[in-house]
Amino acid sequence: MGAAIWSLLDGRRSLAEIVAAICQEYEVDAPTAAADLDEFIQDLLTEELVQFHES
């Protein structure tokens, strides 16, 4: 799932849109997808592989 999330982190999609895409692709519920996304993004932020900008 990490590769799918990585490809969706293009700066154009909101986190809600990414959660929806994960739900559709992997047939998981929104809370599970949101938790997985949050954990993945936190790991990327910790490793300084991405930056978060509020819009």
C-alpha atoms as a PDB file:
ATOM      1  CA  MET A   1       0.000   0.000   0.000  1.00  0.00           C
ATOM      2  CA  GLY A   2       2.963   2.318   0.579  1.00  0.00           C
ATOM      3  CA  ALA A   3       3.737   2.532  -3.138  1.00  0.00           C
ATOM      4  CA  ALA A   4       0.131   3.468  -3.885  1.00  0.00           C
ATOM      5  CA  ILE A   5       0.171   6.175  -1.211  1.00  0.00           C
ATOM      6  CA  TRP A   6       3.500   7.473  -2.485  1.00  0.00           C
ATOM      7  CA  SER A   7       2.102   7.827  -6.007  1.00  0.00           C
ATOM      8  CA  LEU A   8      -0.935   9.707  -4.664  1.00  0.00           C
ATOM      9  CA  LEU A   9       1.201  12.213  -2.732  1.00  0.00           C
ATOM     10  CA  ASP A  10       1.508  14.530  -5.696  1.00  0.00           C
ATOM     11  CA  GLY A  11       0.648  17.811  -3.979  1.00  0.00           C
ATOM     12  CA  ARG A  12      -2.676  18.093  -5.794  1.00  0.00           C
ATOM     13  CA  ARG A  13      -4.783  15.680  -3.749  1.00  0.00           C
ATOM     14  CA  SER A  14      -6.073  16.303  -0.266  1.00  0.00           C
ATOM     15  CA  LEU A  15      -5.615  13.697   2.439  1.00  0.00           C
ATOM     16  CA  ALA A  16      -9.349  12.950   2.207  1.00  0.00           C
ATOM     17  CA  GLU A  17      -8.985  12.266  -1.522  1.00  0.00           C
ATOM     18  CA  ILE A  18      -6.061   9.944  -0.863  1.00  0.00           C
ATOM     19  CA  VAL A  19      -8.068   8.081   1.802  1.00  0.00           C
ATOM     20  CA  ALA A  20     -10.947   7.680  -0.670  1.00  0.00           C
ATOM     21  CA  ALA A  21      -8.579   6.309  -3.332  1.00  0.00           C
ATOM     22  CA  ILE A  22      -7.085   3.837  -0.857  1.00  0.00           C
ATOM     23  CA  CYS A  23     -10.564   2.685   0.187  1.00  0.00           C
ATOM     24  CA  GLN A  24     -11.556   2.096  -3.409  1.00  0.00           C
ATOM     25  CA  GLU A  25      -8.331   0.347  -4.423  1.00  0.00           C
ATOM     26  CA  TYR A  26      -7.871  -1.870  -1.373  1.00  0.00           C
ATOM     27  CA  GLU A  27     -11.461  -2.311  -0.167  1.00  0.00           C
ATOM     28  CA  VAL A  28     -10.701  -1.072   3.359  1.00  0.00           C
ATOM     29  CA  ASP A  29     -12.852   1.195   5.512  1.00  0.00           C
ATOM     30  CA  ALA A  30     -12.066   4.899   5.788  1.00  0.00           C
ATOM     31  CA  PRO A  31     -10.803   4.830   9.412  1.00  0.00           C
ATOM     32  CA  THR A  32      -8.325   2.049   8.584  1.00  0.00           C
ATOM     33  CA  ALA A  33      -7.162   3.814   5.426  1.00  0.00           C
ATOM     34  CA  ALA A  34      -6.793   7.120   7.295  1.00  0.00           C
ATOM     35  CA  ALA A  35      -4.754   5.459  10.058  1.00  0.00           C
ATOM     36  CA  ASP A  36      -2.489   3.739   7.526  1.00  0.00           C
ATOM     37  CA  LEU A  37      -2.060   6.991   5.607  1.00  0.00           C
ATOM     38  CA  ASP A  38      -1.257   8.917   8.777  1.00  0.00           C
ATOM     39  CA  GLU A  39       1.350   6.369   9.845  1.00  0.00           C
ATOM     40  CA  PHE A  40       2.956   6.332   6.389  1.00  0.00           C
ATOM     41  CA  ILE A  41       3.065  10.135   6.173  1.00  0.00           C
ATOM     42  CA  GLN A  42       4.510  10.418   9.677  1.00  0.00           C
ATOM     43  CA  ASP A  43       7.290   8.017   8.665  1.00  0.00           C
ATOM     44  CA  LEU A  44       7.998  10.064   5.534  1.00  0.00           C
ATOM     45  CA  LEU A  45       8.037  13.317   7.532  1.00  0.00           C
ATOM     46  CA  THR A  46      10.385  11.818  10.117  1.00  0.00           C
ATOM     47  CA  GLU A  47      12.779  10.785   7.366  1.00  0.00           C
ATOM     48  CA  GLU A  48      12.326  14.232   5.715  1.00  0.00           C
ATOM     49  CA  LEU A  49      11.186  12.624   2.464  1.00  0.00           C
ATOM     50  CA  VAL A  50       8.121  14.865   2.178  1.00  0.00           C
ATOM     51  CA  GLN A  51       6.971  18.259   3.406  1.00  0.00           C
ATOM     52  CA  PHE A  52       3.484  19.096   4.588  1.00  0.00           C
ATOM     53  CA  HIS A  53       1.858  22.379   3.565  1.00  0.00           C
ATOM     54  CA  GLU A  54      -1.589  23.373   4.747  1.00  0.00           C
ATOM     55  CA  SER A  55      -3.723  25.011   2.100  1.00  0.00           C
END
